Amino acid sequence: MPATGYRSKSWDEFVAPGAPVFDFIFTVCDNAAGEVCPLWPGQPVSAHWGVPDPAAVEGTEEQRLKAFKDAALTLRRRIELFLSLPLQRLDAMSLQRELRNIGQE
């Protein structure tokens, strides 16, 4: 997937005046699992969907490429499961539980 024009951003960019408001926050870095996340404006539902960092994989080019493909496939499956949820029929606690369960798959 092309990444031109995209960049990592500081949390601070999303709490500044005029920043977009989110309904959902998903952390994906395995290192972030134990970190305290900031309080987001609007109190979006959050879940940790950790995947191993493919950029940290050492080995052959084929092994590194496989790590990126594996991470992308895992996230794709989780996003598809998320999109299949009946969001309008889930209360906040049920939704939180479903999102956490997706992150375990």
N, C-alpha and C. Protein backbone atom coordinates (compact mmCIF):
# COMPACT_ATOMS: atom_id res chain seq x y z
N MET A 1 0.84 -1.18 0.00
CA MET A 1 0.00 0.00 0.00
C MET A 1 0.88 1.24 0.00
N PRO A 2 0.57 2.20 -0.80
CA PRO A 2 1.37 3.42 -0.83
C PRO A 2 1.27 4.17 0.50
N ALA A 3 2.39 4.67 0.97
CA ALA A 3 2.42 5.41 2.23
C ALA A 3 2.82 6.87 2.03
N THR A 4 2.92 7.29 0.79
CA THR A 4 3.31 8.66 0.50
C THR A 4 2.33 9.64 1.13
N GLY A 5 2.87 10.62 1.82
CA GLY A 5 2.05 11.65 2.43
C GLY A 5 1.58 11.32 3.84
N TYR A 6 1.84 10.10 4.30
CA TYR A 6 1.46 9.71 5.65
C TYR A 6 2.67 9.76 6.56
N ARG A 7 2.43 9.95 7.85
CA ARG A 7 3.54 10.00 8.81
C ARG A 7 3.03 9.64 10.19
N SER A 8 3.93 9.24 11.05
CA SER A 8 3.57 9.02 12.45
C SER A 8 3.26 10.37 13.07
N LYS A 9 2.33 10.37 14.01
CA LYS A 9 1.93 11.62 14.65
C LYS A 9 1.99 11.48 16.16
N SER A 10 2.25 12.57 16.81
CA SER A 10 2.24 12.63 18.26
C SER A 10 0.79 12.63 18.75
N TRP A 11 0.59 12.07 19.94
CA TRP A 11 -0.74 12.11 20.56
C TRP A 11 -1.23 13.56 20.63
N ASP A 12 -0.31 14.47 20.86
CA ASP A 12 -0.66 15.87 21.06
C ASP A 12 -1.44 16.47 19.89
N GLU A 13 -1.21 15.96 18.69
CA GLU A 13 -1.91 16.48 17.52
C GLU A 13 -3.40 16.20 17.58
N PHE A 14 -3.79 15.19 18.34
CA PHE A 14 -5.19 14.79 18.36
C PHE A 14 -5.97 15.34 19.54
N VAL A 15 -5.32 16.12 20.38
CA VAL A 15 -6.02 16.78 21.48
C VAL A 15 -5.99 18.30 21.31
N ALA A 16 -5.37 18.77 20.25
CA ALA A 16 -5.30 20.20 19.97
C ALA A 16 -6.64 20.70 19.46
N PRO A 17 -6.92 21.98 19.64
CA PRO A 17 -8.17 22.54 19.10
C PRO A 17 -8.27 22.28 17.60
N GLY A 18 -9.45 21.87 17.17
CA GLY A 18 -9.67 21.60 15.74
C GLY A 18 -9.29 20.20 15.30
N ALA A 19 -8.77 19.39 16.22
CA ALA A 19 -8.39 18.02 15.86
C ALA A 19 -9.65 17.19 15.62
N PRO A 20 -9.54 16.17 14.77
CA PRO A 20 -10.73 15.33 14.54
C PRO A 20 -11.14 14.61 15.83
N VAL A 21 -12.43 14.34 15.95
CA VAL A 21 -12.96 13.60 17.09
C VAL A 21 -13.14 12.15 16.63
N PHE A 22 -12.67 11.21 17.46
CA PHE A 22 -12.73 9.80 17.11
C PHE A 22 -13.82 9.08 17.88
N ASP A 23 -14.42 8.09 17.23
CA ASP A 23 -15.38 7.21 17.90
C ASP A 23 -14.66 5.99 18.47
N PHE A 24 -13.56 5.58 17.81
CA PHE A 24 -12.81 4.40 18.21
C PHE A 24 -11.32 4.68 18.15
N ILE A 25 -10.58 4.08 19.10
CA ILE A 25 -9.12 4.15 19.11
C ILE A 25 -8.61 2.72 19.23
N PHE A 26 -7.74 2.32 18.33
CA PHE A 26 -7.12 1.00 18.39
C PHE A 26 -5.61 1.17 18.46
N THR A 27 -4.99 0.62 19.49
CA THR A 27 -3.53 0.61 19.54
C THR A 27 -3.10 -0.72 18.96
N VAL A 28 -2.01 -0.71 18.20
CA VAL A 28 -1.57 -1.94 17.53
C VAL A 28 -0.15 -2.35 17.90
N CYS A 29 0.61 -1.44 18.46
CA CYS A 29 1.99 -1.75 18.83
C CYS A 29 2.01 -2.62 20.08
N ASP A 30 2.65 -3.78 20.00
CA ASP A 30 2.73 -4.65 21.17
C ASP A 30 3.34 -3.94 22.37
N ASN A 31 4.25 -3.00 22.12
CA ASN A 31 4.87 -2.26 23.22
C ASN A 31 3.87 -1.35 23.93
N ALA A 32 2.78 -1.01 23.27
CA ALA A 32 1.79 -0.09 23.85
C ALA A 32 0.81 -0.79 24.77
N ALA A 33 0.84 -2.11 24.81
CA ALA A 33 -0.16 -2.87 25.59
C ALA A 33 -0.18 -2.46 27.05
N GLY A 34 0.97 -2.20 27.64
CA GLY A 34 1.02 -1.86 29.05
C GLY A 34 1.10 -0.38 29.33
N GLU A 35 1.12 0.43 28.29
CA GLU A 35 1.24 1.87 28.48
C GLU A 35 -0.12 2.50 28.77
N VAL A 36 -0.10 3.59 29.48
CA VAL A 36 -1.32 4.34 29.74
C VAL A 36 -1.56 5.26 28.54
N CYS A 37 -2.75 5.14 27.97
CA CYS A 37 -3.09 5.99 26.82
C CYS A 37 -3.66 7.30 27.34
N PRO A 38 -3.52 8.35 26.56
CA PRO A 38 -4.07 9.65 26.99
C PRO A 38 -5.60 9.62 26.98
N LEU A 39 -6.20 10.58 27.64
CA LEU A 39 -7.64 10.73 27.58
C LEU A 39 -7.98 11.44 26.27
N TRP A 40 -8.76 10.78 25.46
CA TRP A 40 -9.12 11.33 24.16
C TRP A 40 -10.39 12.16 24.28
N PRO A 41 -10.47 13.28 23.58
CA PRO A 41 -11.71 14.06 23.57
C PRO A 41 -12.88 13.21 23.08
N GLY A 42 -14.02 13.35 23.72
CA GLY A 42 -15.20 12.61 23.29
C GLY A 42 -15.29 11.20 23.84
N GLN A 43 -14.31 10.75 24.57
CA GLN A 43 -14.27 9.42 25.17
C GLN A 43 -14.57 8.30 24.16
N PRO A 44 -13.76 8.15 23.13
CA PRO A 44 -13.99 7.07 22.17
C PRO A 44 -13.77 5.69 22.81
N VAL A 45 -14.38 4.68 22.23
CA VAL A 45 -14.16 3.30 22.67
C VAL A 45 -12.75 2.92 22.22
N SER A 46 -12.00 2.28 23.11
CA SER A 46 -10.63 1.92 22.74
C SER A 46 -10.38 0.44 22.99
N ALA A 47 -9.45 -0.12 22.23
CA ALA A 47 -9.05 -1.51 22.39
C ALA A 47 -7.62 -1.66 21.91
N HIS A 48 -6.93 -2.63 22.47
CA HIS A 48 -5.57 -2.93 22.03
C HIS A 48 -5.61 -4.13 21.09
N TRP A 49 -5.16 -3.92 19.87
CA TRP A 49 -5.10 -4.97 18.85
C TRP A 49 -3.64 -5.21 18.48
N GLY A 50 -2.81 -5.52 19.44
CA GLY A 50 -1.38 -5.64 19.23
C GLY A 50 -0.97 -6.66 18.18
N VAL A 51 0.02 -6.28 17.42
CA VAL A 51 0.68 -7.19 16.47
C VAL A 51 2.17 -6.98 16.63
N PRO A 52 2.96 -8.03 16.41
CA PRO A 52 4.40 -7.85 16.46
C PRO A 52 4.85 -6.80 15.44
N ASP A 53 5.83 -6.00 15.82
CA ASP A 53 6.34 -4.95 14.95
C ASP A 53 7.12 -5.57 13.79
N PRO A 54 6.60 -5.50 12.58
CA PRO A 54 7.32 -6.11 11.46
C PRO A 54 8.64 -5.42 11.15
N ALA A 55 8.75 -4.14 11.51
CA ALA A 55 9.99 -3.41 11.25
C ALA A 55 11.13 -3.90 12.14
N ALA A 56 10.79 -4.61 13.22
CA ALA A 56 11.80 -5.11 14.14
C ALA A 56 12.34 -6.49 13.73
N VAL A 57 11.73 -7.09 12.72
CA VAL A 57 12.14 -8.43 12.30
C VAL A 57 13.49 -8.36 11.59
N GLU A 58 14.37 -9.22 12.01
CA GLU A 58 15.67 -9.35 11.35
C GLU A 58 15.67 -10.64 10.57
N GLY A 59 16.46 -10.69 9.55
CA GLY A 59 16.54 -11.90 8.74
C GLY A 59 16.65 -11.54 7.28
N THR A 60 16.27 -12.49 6.46
CA THR A 60 16.35 -12.28 5.02
C THR A 60 15.26 -11.30 4.58
N GLU A 61 15.41 -10.82 3.38
CA GLU A 61 14.38 -9.93 2.84
C GLU A 61 13.04 -10.65 2.79
N GLU A 62 13.06 -11.92 2.47
CA GLU A 62 11.83 -12.71 2.41
C GLU A 62 11.18 -12.82 3.80
N GLN A 63 11.96 -13.02 4.83
CA GLN A 63 11.44 -13.10 6.19
C GLN A 63 10.85 -11.77 6.64
N ARG A 64 11.52 -10.67 6.31
CA ARG A 64 11.02 -9.35 6.68
C ARG A 64 9.71 -9.03 5.94
N LEU A 65 9.67 -9.36 4.65
CA LEU A 65 8.46 -9.14 3.86
C LEU A 65 7.30 -9.96 4.42
N LYS A 66 7.57 -11.20 4.82
CA LYS A 66 6.53 -12.05 5.41
C LYS A 66 5.99 -11.43 6.70
N ALA A 67 6.86 -10.83 7.51
CA ALA A 67 6.42 -10.20 8.75
C ALA A 67 5.45 -9.06 8.46
N PHE A 68 5.74 -8.26 7.44
CA PHE A 68 4.84 -7.16 7.08
C PHE A 68 3.52 -7.70 6.53
N LYS A 69 3.59 -8.74 5.71
CA LYS A 69 2.37 -9.33 5.17
C LYS A 69 1.52 -9.93 6.29
N ASP A 70 2.16 -10.60 7.25
CA ASP A 70 1.43 -11.20 8.37
C ASP A 70 0.73 -10.12 9.21
N ALA A 71 1.44 -9.03 9.48
CA ALA A 71 0.84 -7.93 10.26
C ALA A 71 -0.35 -7.34 9.50
N ALA A 72 -0.19 -7.12 8.21
CA ALA A 72 -1.27 -6.55 7.41
C ALA A 72 -2.48 -7.49 7.37
N LEU A 73 -2.23 -8.78 7.23
CA LEU A 73 -3.33 -9.75 7.19
C LEU A 73 -4.07 -9.80 8.53
N THR A 74 -3.32 -9.78 9.63
CA THR A 74 -3.94 -9.79 10.95
C THR A 74 -4.83 -8.57 11.14
N LEU A 75 -4.31 -7.40 10.79
CA LEU A 75 -5.11 -6.18 10.94
C LEU A 75 -6.30 -6.17 10.00
N ARG A 76 -6.13 -6.67 8.80
CA ARG A 76 -7.25 -6.74 7.86
C ARG A 76 -8.38 -7.60 8.43
N ARG A 77 -8.03 -8.77 8.96
CA ARG A 77 -9.05 -9.66 9.54
C ARG A 77 -9.77 -8.98 10.70
N ARG A 78 -9.02 -8.30 11.54
CA ARG A 78 -9.63 -7.62 12.69
C ARG A 78 -10.54 -6.49 12.25
N ILE A 79 -10.13 -5.75 11.24
CA ILE A 79 -10.96 -4.66 10.72
C ILE A 79 -12.24 -5.23 10.11
N GLU A 80 -12.14 -6.33 9.38
CA GLU A 80 -13.32 -6.96 8.80
C GLU A 80 -14.29 -7.41 9.90
N LEU A 81 -13.75 -8.00 10.98
CA LEU A 81 -14.61 -8.41 12.10
C LEU A 81 -15.28 -7.19 12.74
N PHE A 82 -14.51 -6.13 12.91
CA PHE A 82 -15.05 -4.89 13.47
C PHE A 82 -16.19 -4.35 12.61
N LEU A 83 -15.97 -4.32 11.30
CA LEU A 83 -16.99 -3.79 10.38
C LEU A 83 -18.25 -4.66 10.32
N SER A 84 -18.13 -5.92 10.73
CA SER A 84 -19.29 -6.81 10.71
C SER A 84 -20.12 -6.72 12.00
N LEU A 85 -19.65 -5.99 13.00
CA LEU A 85 -20.39 -5.88 14.26
C LEU A 85 -21.67 -5.07 14.07
N PRO A 86 -22.73 -5.48 14.75
CA PRO A 86 -23.98 -4.70 14.69
C PRO A 86 -23.89 -3.52 15.67
N LEU A 87 -23.13 -2.51 15.31
CA LEU A 87 -22.82 -1.41 16.22
C LEU A 87 -24.06 -0.76 16.84
N GLN A 88 -25.11 -0.59 16.06
CA GLN A 88 -26.29 0.08 16.58
C GLN A 88 -27.04 -0.77 17.61
N ARG A 89 -26.75 -2.07 17.69
CA ARG A 89 -27.45 -2.95 18.63
C ARG A 89 -26.61 -3.30 19.86
N LEU A 90 -25.39 -2.79 19.94
CA LEU A 90 -24.52 -3.12 21.07
C LEU A 90 -24.45 -1.95 22.06
N ASP A 91 -24.63 -2.25 23.35
CA ASP A 91 -24.42 -1.21 24.35
C ASP A 91 -22.91 -1.02 24.52
N ALA A 92 -22.52 0.01 25.24
CA ALA A 92 -21.10 0.37 25.36
C ALA A 92 -20.25 -0.76 25.92
N MET A 93 -20.74 -1.44 26.96
CA MET A 93 -19.95 -2.52 27.56
C MET A 93 -19.80 -3.71 26.62
N SER A 94 -20.85 -4.05 25.91
CA SER A 94 -20.80 -5.16 24.95
C SER A 94 -19.85 -4.83 23.80
N LEU A 95 -19.93 -3.59 23.33
CA LEU A 95 -19.04 -3.16 22.25
C LEU A 95 -17.59 -3.24 22.69
N GLN A 96 -17.29 -2.76 23.89
CA GLN A 96 -15.92 -2.81 24.41
C GLN A 96 -15.44 -4.26 24.48
N ARG A 97 -16.28 -5.15 24.96
CA ARG A 97 -15.92 -6.57 25.06
C ARG A 97 -15.66 -7.16 23.68
N GLU A 98 -16.51 -6.86 22.71
CA GLU A 98 -16.34 -7.38 21.35
C GLU A 98 -15.02 -6.90 20.74
N LEU A 99 -14.71 -5.62 20.93
CA LEU A 99 -13.47 -5.07 20.37
C LEU A 99 -12.25 -5.71 21.01
N ARG A 100 -12.30 -5.93 22.31
CA ARG A 100 -11.18 -6.60 22.98
C ARG A 100 -11.04 -8.04 22.50
N ASN A 101 -12.16 -8.72 22.30
CA ASN A 101 -12.12 -10.08 21.79
C ASN A 101 -11.51 -10.14 20.40
N ILE A 102 -11.86 -9.19 19.55
CA ILE A 102 -11.29 -9.16 18.20
C ILE A 102 -9.77 -9.05 18.29
N GLY A 103 -9.26 -8.27 19.22
CA GLY A 103 -7.82 -8.11 19.39
C GLY A 103 -7.11 -9.36 19.85
N GLN A 104 -7.86 -10.34 20.35
CA GLN A 104 -7.26 -11.61 20.80
C GLN A 104 -7.22 -12.64 19.69
N GLU A 105 -7.88 -12.36 18.57
CA GLU A 105 -7.95 -13.34 17.48
C GLU A 105 -6.76 -13.23 16.57
